[in-house]
Amino acid sequence: MDNAGRKVLIIDDDTTVHTVLTVIFRKAGYQVFTALDALQGTSKAAQVKPDLIVLDVLMPAGGGAAVLERLRKMSFTSHTPCLIYSSLDRADILKEIQEGPLVAVLCKGEAKSEDILQAVARLVAG
């Protein structure tokens, strides 16, 4: 799949995560945008109108579940696929956020770059 022109927004308070994911996504042909907290993330989503959002669960200015809920209420991100990428245990994440056609969950430290790109490919393919 040609990802040229596809936009990914990474919402995470860890700049190391931004760096690592930016390299992975740029190599795969995506344009990458970043935000350091929930408020910045929803604002940047409104500006960029991304094709995919990578979202941390634990971060300042609102947790990932609240951000996802806000994104779903905004017309331009209501159907944007989201990859939940967190250091929390998968079972704990799934208590707050339900996986589905538009949401996948991966755990930091466990997911390799191939896992991330496969999950993203599934999400953006619909």
Foldseek 3Di string as FASTA:
>chain_A
DAQAPAEEEEEAQDVVVVVVVCVLVVVSRYHYHYHNHLVRRVVVCVVPLGLEYEAEADHPPHGRLVSLVVLCVDPSRVQRAYEYEYQDDPVVVCVRDPDDLRYHYDYPPPDDSVNVVVVVVSNSVD
